[in-house]
PDB file of all heavy atoms in Angstrom:
ATOM      1  N   THR A   1     -10.693  10.970  -4.819  1.00  0.00           N
ATOM      2  CA  THR A   1     -10.769  10.711  -3.453  1.00  0.00           C
ATOM      3  C   THR A   1      -9.451   9.925  -3.111  1.00  0.00           C
ATOM      4  O   THR A   1      -9.173   8.931  -3.753  1.00  0.00           O
ATOM      5  CB  THR A   1     -11.915   9.830  -3.151  1.00  0.00           C
ATOM      6  OG1 THR A   1     -13.116  10.514  -3.583  1.00  0.00           O
ATOM      7  CG2 THR A   1     -12.041   9.527  -1.748  1.00  0.00           C
ATOM      8  N   LEU A   2      -8.753  10.394  -2.048  1.00  0.00           N
ATOM      9  CA  LEU A   2      -7.564   9.653  -1.583  1.00  0.00           C
ATOM     10  C   LEU A   2      -8.008   8.896  -0.302  1.00  0.00           C
ATOM     11  O   LEU A   2      -8.701   9.446   0.585  1.00  0.00           O
ATOM     12  CB  LEU A   2      -6.442  10.649  -1.254  1.00  0.00           C
ATOM     13  CG  LEU A   2      -5.940  11.400  -2.421  1.00  0.00           C
ATOM     14  CD1 LEU A   2      -4.807  12.411  -1.836  1.00  0.00           C
ATOM     15  CD2 LEU A   2      -5.339  10.561  -3.497  1.00  0.00           C
ATOM     16  N   VAL A   3      -7.546   7.538  -0.185  1.00  0.00           N
ATOM     17  CA  VAL A   3      -7.954   6.798   0.918  1.00  0.00           C
ATOM     18  C   VAL A   3      -6.740   6.168   1.483  1.00  0.00           C
ATOM     19  O   VAL A   3      -5.845   5.951   0.753  1.00  0.00           O
ATOM     20  CB  VAL A   3      -9.009   5.714   0.637  1.00  0.00           C
ATOM     21  CG1 VAL A   3     -10.318   6.352   0.004  1.00  0.00           C
ATOM     22  CG2 VAL A   3      -8.524   4.745  -0.407  1.00  0.00           C
ATOM     23  N   PRO A   4      -6.766   5.801   2.818  1.00  0.00           N
ATOM     24  CA  PRO A   4      -5.661   5.009   3.323  1.00  0.00           C
ATOM     25  C   PRO A   4      -5.295   3.725   2.579  1.00  0.00           C
ATOM     26  O   PRO A   4      -6.156   3.007   2.396  1.00  0.00           O
ATOM     27  CB  PRO A   4      -6.061   4.760   4.749  1.00  0.00           C
ATOM     28  CG  PRO A   4      -7.084   5.809   5.046  1.00  0.00           C
ATOM     29  CD  PRO A   4      -7.808   6.081   3.846  1.00  0.00           C
ATOM     30  N   PHE A   5      -4.191   3.668   2.148  1.00  0.00           N
ATOM     31  CA  PHE A   5      -3.773   2.531   1.352  1.00  0.00           C
ATOM     32  C   PHE A   5      -3.780   1.233   2.097  1.00  0.00           C
ATOM     33  O   PHE A   5      -4.301   0.167   1.535  1.00  0.00           O
ATOM     34  CB  PHE A   5      -2.284   2.662   0.791  1.00  0.00           C
ATOM     35  CG  PHE A   5      -1.807   1.739  -0.206  1.00  0.00           C
ATOM     36  CD1 PHE A   5      -2.484   1.651  -1.476  1.00  0.00           C
ATOM     37  CD2 PHE A   5      -0.712   0.803   0.106  1.00  0.00           C
ATOM     38  CE1 PHE A   5      -2.127   0.634  -2.261  1.00  0.00           C
ATOM     39  CE2 PHE A   5      -0.318  -0.026  -0.839  1.00  0.00           C
ATOM     40  CZ  PHE A   5      -0.979  -0.172  -2.071  1.00  0.00           C
ATOM     41  N   ARG A   6      -3.526   1.276   3.335  1.00  0.00           N
ATOM     42  CA  ARG A   6      -3.546   0.040   4.076  1.00  0.00           C
ATOM     43  C   ARG A   6      -4.957  -0.493   4.127  1.00  0.00           C
ATOM     44  O   ARG A   6      -5.179  -1.708   4.178  1.00  0.00           O
ATOM     45  CB  ARG A   6      -2.966   0.294   5.577  1.00  0.00           C
ATOM     46  CG  ARG A   6      -3.027  -0.916   6.437  1.00  0.00           C
ATOM     47  CD  ARG A   6      -2.423  -0.598   7.782  1.00  0.00           C
ATOM     48  NE  ARG A   6      -1.125  -0.204   7.678  1.00  0.00           N
ATOM     49  CZ  ARG A   6       0.021  -1.098   7.607  1.00  0.00           C
ATOM     50  NH1 ARG A   6      -0.248  -2.326   7.661  1.00  0.00           N
ATOM     51  NH2 ARG A   6       1.179  -0.439   7.554  1.00  0.00           N
ATOM     52  N   ALA A   7      -6.011   0.379   4.227  1.00  0.00           N
ATOM     53  CA  ALA A   7      -7.399  -0.064   4.322  1.00  0.00           C
ATOM     54  C   ALA A   7      -7.762  -0.893   3.189  1.00  0.00           C
ATOM     55  O   ALA A   7      -8.480  -1.855   3.330  1.00  0.00           O
ATOM     56  CB  ALA A   7      -8.327   1.144   4.462  1.00  0.00           C
ATOM     57  N   ILE A   8      -7.256  -0.379   1.955  1.00  0.00           N
ATOM     58  CA  ILE A   8      -7.752  -1.223   0.642  1.00  0.00           C
ATOM     59  C   ILE A   8      -6.940  -2.485   0.693  1.00  0.00           C
ATOM     60  O   ILE A   8      -7.500  -3.590   0.420  1.00  0.00           O
ATOM     61  CB  ILE A   8      -7.412  -0.381  -0.502  1.00  0.00           C
ATOM     62  CG1 ILE A   8      -8.244   1.027  -0.502  1.00  0.00           C
ATOM     63  CG2 ILE A   8      -7.725  -1.275  -1.850  1.00  0.00           C
ATOM     64  CD1 ILE A   8      -7.924   1.871  -1.675  1.00  0.00           C
ATOM     65  N   SER A   9      -5.654  -2.417   0.831  1.00  0.00           N
ATOM     66  CA  SER A   9      -4.779  -3.698   0.624  1.00  0.00           C
ATOM     67  C   SER A   9      -5.092  -4.701   1.607  1.00  0.00           C
ATOM     68  O   SER A   9      -5.163  -5.953   1.220  1.00  0.00           O
ATOM     69  CB  SER A   9      -3.295  -3.203   0.832  1.00  0.00           C
ATOM     70  OG  SER A   9      -3.059  -2.577   2.202  1.00  0.00           O
ATOM     71  N   GLU A  10      -5.310  -4.340   2.901  1.00  0.00           N
ATOM     72  CA  GLU A  10      -5.710  -5.452   3.813  1.00  0.00           C
ATOM     73  C   GLU A  10      -7.091  -6.027   3.554  1.00  0.00           C
ATOM     74  O   GLU A  10      -7.187  -7.380   3.653  1.00  0.00           O
ATOM     75  CB  GLU A  10      -5.674  -4.890   5.267  1.00  0.00           C
ATOM     76  CG  GLU A  10      -4.293  -4.461   5.741  1.00  0.00           C
ATOM     77  CD  GLU A  10      -4.269  -4.073   7.200  1.00  0.00           C
ATOM     78  OE1 GLU A  10      -5.366  -3.814   7.713  1.00  0.00           O
ATOM     79  OE2 GLU A  10      -3.143  -3.924   7.700  1.00  0.00           O
ATOM     80  N   ALA A  11      -7.975  -5.224   3.203  1.00  0.00           N
ATOM     81  CA  ALA A  11      -9.300  -5.789   2.919  1.00  0.00           C
ATOM     82  C   ALA A  11      -9.313  -6.577   1.613  1.00  0.00           C
ATOM     83  O   ALA A  11     -10.107  -7.536   1.662  1.00  0.00           O
ATOM     84  CB  ALA A  11     -10.265  -4.613   2.799  1.00  0.00           C
ATOM     85  N   LEU A  12      -8.472  -6.307   0.734  1.00  0.00           N
ATOM     86  CA  LEU A  12      -8.515  -7.148  -0.511  1.00  0.00           C
ATOM     87  C   LEU A  12      -7.365  -8.169  -0.487  1.00  0.00           C
ATOM     88  O   LEU A  12      -7.146  -8.960  -1.406  1.00  0.00           O
ATOM     89  CB  LEU A  12      -8.170  -6.219  -1.685  1.00  0.00           C
ATOM     90  CG  LEU A  12      -9.244  -5.151  -1.945  1.00  0.00           C
ATOM     91  CD1 LEU A  12      -8.731  -4.356  -3.196  1.00  0.00           C
ATOM     92  CD2 LEU A  12     -10.599  -5.816  -2.253  1.00  0.00           C
ATOM     93  N   GLN A  13      -6.673  -8.320   0.699  1.00  0.00           N
ATOM     94  CA  GLN A  13      -5.693  -9.297   0.967  1.00  0.00           C
ATOM     95  C   GLN A  13      -4.590  -9.317  -0.080  1.00  0.00           C
ATOM     96  O   GLN A  13      -4.288 -10.394  -0.651  1.00  0.00           O
ATOM     97  CB  GLN A  13      -6.446 -10.756   1.048  1.00  0.00           C
ATOM     98  CG  GLN A  13      -7.399 -10.853   2.108  1.00  0.00           C
ATOM     99  CD  GLN A  13      -8.031 -12.261   2.154  1.00  0.00           C
ATOM    100  OE1 GLN A  13      -7.908 -12.975   1.284  1.00  0.00           O
ATOM    101  NE2 GLN A  13      -8.717 -12.591   3.328  1.00  0.00           N
ATOM    102  N   ALA A  14      -4.050  -8.124  -0.239  1.00  0.00           N
ATOM    103  CA  ALA A  14      -3.022  -7.872  -1.195  1.00  0.00           C
ATOM    104  C   ALA A  14      -1.606  -7.818  -0.468  1.00  0.00           C
ATOM    105  O   ALA A  14      -1.590  -7.451   0.783  1.00  0.00           O
ATOM    106  CB  ALA A  14      -3.243  -6.589  -1.958  1.00  0.00           C
ATOM    107  N   GLU A  15      -0.590  -8.134  -1.156  1.00  0.00           N
ATOM    108  CA  GLU A  15       0.709  -8.047  -0.558  1.00  0.00           C
ATOM    109  C   GLU A  15       1.281  -6.635  -0.808  1.00  0.00           C
ATOM    110  O   GLU A  15       1.185  -6.112  -1.998  1.00  0.00           O
ATOM    111  CB  GLU A  15       1.639  -9.137  -1.237  1.00  0.00           C
ATOM    112  CG  GLU A  15       3.106  -9.012  -0.713  1.00  0.00           C
ATOM    113  CD  GLU A  15       4.012 -10.015  -1.603  1.00  0.00           C
ATOM    114  OE1 GLU A  15       3.448 -10.892  -2.296  1.00  0.00           O
ATOM    115  OE2 GLU A  15       5.184  -9.953  -1.320  1.00  0.00           O
ATOM    116  N   VAL A  16       1.832  -6.065   0.244  1.00  0.00           N
ATOM    117  CA  VAL A  16       2.390  -4.651   0.194  1.00  0.00           C
ATOM    118  C   VAL A  16       3.827  -4.625   0.525  1.00  0.00           C
ATOM    119  O   VAL A  16       4.268  -5.180   1.479  1.00  0.00           O
ATOM    120  CB  VAL A  16       1.551  -3.815   1.080  1.00  0.00           C
ATOM    121  CG1 VAL A  16       1.987  -2.257   0.995  1.00  0.00           C
ATOM    122  CG2 VAL A  16      -0.046  -3.884   0.789  1.00  0.00           C
ATOM    123  N   VAL A  17       4.509  -3.754  -0.302  1.00  0.00           N
ATOM    124  CA  VAL A  17       5.963  -3.532   0.048  1.00  0.00           C
ATOM    125  C   VAL A  17       6.141  -2.076   0.034  1.00  0.00           C
ATOM    126  O   VAL A  17       5.849  -1.390  -0.965  1.00  0.00           O
ATOM    127  CB  VAL A  17       6.847  -4.264  -1.056  1.00  0.00           C
ATOM    128  CG1 VAL A  17       8.277  -3.810  -0.723  1.00  0.00           C
ATOM    129  CG2 VAL A  17       6.649  -5.792  -1.014  1.00  0.00           C
ATOM    130  N   TRP A  18       6.836  -1.526   1.055  1.00  0.00           N
ATOM    131  CA  TRP A  18       7.263  -0.198   1.185  1.00  0.00           C
ATOM    132  C   TRP A  18       8.690  -0.001   0.914  1.00  0.00           C
ATOM    133  O   TRP A  18       9.564  -0.664   1.538  1.00  0.00           O
ATOM    134  CB  TRP A  18       6.881   0.462   2.441  1.00  0.00           C
ATOM    135  CG  TRP A  18       7.518   1.834   2.870  1.00  0.00           C
ATOM    136  CD1 TRP A  18       8.470   2.049   3.584  1.00  0.00           C
ATOM    137  CD2 TRP A  18       6.980   3.031   2.156  1.00  0.00           C
ATOM    138  NE1 TRP A  18       8.771   3.396   3.621  1.00  0.00           N
ATOM    139  CE2 TRP A  18       7.872   4.024   2.806  1.00  0.00           C
ATOM    140  CE3 TRP A  18       6.049   3.374   1.285  1.00  0.00           C
ATOM    141  CZ2 TRP A  18       7.781   5.454   2.478  1.00  0.00           C
ATOM    142  CZ3 TRP A  18       5.934   4.818   1.049  1.00  0.00           C
ATOM    143  CH2 TRP A  18       6.786   5.720   1.566  1.00  0.00           C
ATOM    144  N   ASN A  19       9.033   0.940   0.045  1.00  0.00           N
ATOM    145  CA  ASN A  19      10.496   1.252  -0.332  1.00  0.00           C
ATOM    146  C   ASN A  19      10.874   2.693   0.233  1.00  0.00           C
ATOM    147  O   ASN A  19      10.354   3.607  -0.425  1.00  0.00           O
ATOM    148  CB  ASN A  19      10.669   1.158  -1.913  1.00  0.00           C
ATOM    149  CG  ASN A  19      12.226   1.318  -2.167  1.00  0.00           C
ATOM    150  OD1 ASN A  19      12.920   2.190  -1.760  1.00  0.00           O
ATOM    151  ND2 ASN A  19      12.656   0.271  -3.117  1.00  0.00           N
ATOM    152  N   GLN A  20      11.585   2.642   1.338  1.00  0.00           N
ATOM    153  CA  GLN A  20      11.848   3.853   1.955  1.00  0.00           C
ATOM    154  C   GLN A  20      12.786   4.807   1.036  1.00  0.00           C
ATOM    155  O   GLN A  20      12.533   5.944   0.981  1.00  0.00           O
ATOM    156  CB  GLN A  20      12.629   3.604   3.303  1.00  0.00           C
ATOM    157  CG  GLN A  20      12.979   4.827   3.987  1.00  0.00           C
ATOM    158  CD  GLN A  20      11.788   5.796   4.441  1.00  0.00           C
ATOM    159  OE1 GLN A  20      10.702   5.236   4.808  1.00  0.00           O
ATOM    160  NE2 GLN A  20      11.823   7.002   4.324  1.00  0.00           N
ATOM    161  N   LYS A  21      13.783   4.084   0.361  1.00  0.00           N
ATOM    162  CA  LYS A  21      14.584   4.887  -0.515  1.00  0.00           C
ATOM    163  C   LYS A  21      13.897   5.625  -1.594  1.00  0.00           C
ATOM    164  O   LYS A  21      14.107   6.807  -1.872  1.00  0.00           O
ATOM    165  CB  LYS A  21      15.718   4.018  -1.040  1.00  0.00           C
ATOM    166  CG  LYS A  21      16.708   4.614  -1.826  1.00  0.00           C
ATOM    167  CD  LYS A  21      17.870   3.873  -2.352  1.00  0.00           C
ATOM    168  CE  LYS A  21      18.888   4.490  -3.131  1.00  0.00           C
ATOM    169  NZ  LYS A  21      19.959   3.651  -3.523  1.00  0.00           N
ATOM    170  N   GLU A  22      12.995   4.925  -2.235  1.00  0.00           N
ATOM    171  CA  GLU A  22      12.238   5.494  -3.383  1.00  0.00           C
ATOM    172  C   GLU A  22      11.029   6.288  -2.943  1.00  0.00           C
ATOM    173  O   GLU A  22      10.408   6.989  -3.700  1.00  0.00           O
ATOM    174  CB  GLU A  22      11.695   4.285  -4.360  1.00  0.00           C
ATOM    175  CG  GLU A  22      12.777   3.704  -5.157  1.00  0.00           C
ATOM    176  CD  GLU A  22      12.172   2.736  -6.117  1.00  0.00           C
ATOM    177  OE1 GLU A  22      10.965   2.247  -5.869  1.00  0.00           O
ATOM    178  OE2 GLU A  22      12.823   2.194  -6.992  1.00  0.00           O
ATOM    179  N   ARG A  23      10.606   6.027  -1.717  1.00  0.00           N
ATOM    180  CA  ARG A  23       9.345   6.459  -1.174  1.00  0.00           C
ATOM    181  C   ARG A  23       8.263   5.955  -2.014  1.00  0.00           C
ATOM    182  O   ARG A  23       7.276   6.797  -2.318  1.00  0.00           O
ATOM    183  CB  ARG A  23       9.314   8.128  -1.034  1.00  0.00           C
ATOM    184  CG  ARG A  23      10.331   8.596  -0.131  1.00  0.00           C
ATOM    185  CD  ARG A  23      10.213  10.110   0.028  1.00  0.00           C
ATOM    186  NE  ARG A  23       9.184  10.505   1.020  1.00  0.00           N
ATOM    187  CZ  ARG A  23       8.237  11.244   0.641  1.00  0.00           C
ATOM    188  NH1 ARG A  23       8.143  11.890  -0.502  1.00  0.00           N
ATOM    189  NH2 ARG A  23       7.295  11.638   1.558  1.00  0.00           N
ATOM    190  N   SER A  24       8.246   4.847  -2.175  1.00  0.00           N
ATOM    191  CA  SER A  24       7.272   4.057  -3.093  1.00  0.00           C
ATOM    192  C   SER A  24       6.492   2.956  -2.288  1.00  0.00           C
ATOM    193  O   SER A  24       6.978   2.356  -1.508  1.00  0.00           O
ATOM    194  CB  SER A  24       7.777   3.615  -4.374  1.00  0.00           C
ATOM    195  OG  SER A  24       8.613   2.488  -4.137  1.00  0.00           O
ATOM    196  N   VAL A  25       5.376   2.725  -2.769  1.00  0.00           N
ATOM    197  CA  VAL A  25       4.530   1.621  -2.246  1.00  0.00           C
ATOM    198  C   VAL A  25       4.059   0.695  -3.381  1.00  0.00           C
ATOM    199  O   VAL A  25       3.565   1.212  -4.384  1.00  0.00           O
ATOM    200  CB  VAL A  25       3.372   2.009  -1.382  1.00  0.00           C
ATOM    201  CG1 VAL A  25       2.343   2.902  -2.297  1.00  0.00           C
ATOM    202  CG2 VAL A  25       2.637   0.771  -0.606  1.00  0.00           C
ATOM    203  N   THR A  26       4.346  -0.501  -3.137  1.00  0.00           N
ATOM    204  CA  THR A  26       3.881  -1.558  -4.306  1.00  0.00           C
ATOM    205  C   THR A  26       2.903  -2.651  -3.707  1.00  0.00           C
ATOM    206  O   THR A  26       3.248  -3.264  -2.679  1.00  0.00           O
ATOM    207  CB  THR A  26       5.287  -2.174  -4.849  1.00  0.00           C
ATOM    208  OG1 THR A  26       6.137  -1.276  -5.304  1.00  0.00           O
ATOM    209  CG2 THR A  26       4.890  -3.221  -5.978  1.00  0.00           C
ATOM    210  N   VAL A  27       1.901  -2.808  -4.389  1.00  0.00           N
ATOM    211  CA  VAL A  27       0.917  -3.835  -3.990  1.00  0.00           C
ATOM    212  C   VAL A  27       0.717  -4.860  -5.054  1.00  0.00           C
ATOM    213  O   VAL A  27       0.679  -4.507  -6.327  1.00  0.00           O
ATOM    214  CB  VAL A  27      -0.432  -3.130  -3.718  1.00  0.00           C
ATOM    215  CG1 VAL A  27      -0.974  -2.355  -4.796  1.00  0.00           C
ATOM    216  CG2 VAL A  27      -1.463  -4.215  -3.214  1.00  0.00           C
TER     217      VAL A  27
END
């Protein structure tokens, strides 16, 4: 099951960084 990453990170109060060059997301 794939879910919107923002929904999890915001609800769990996690810090999120998006790297456009790598096309990666780090929480």
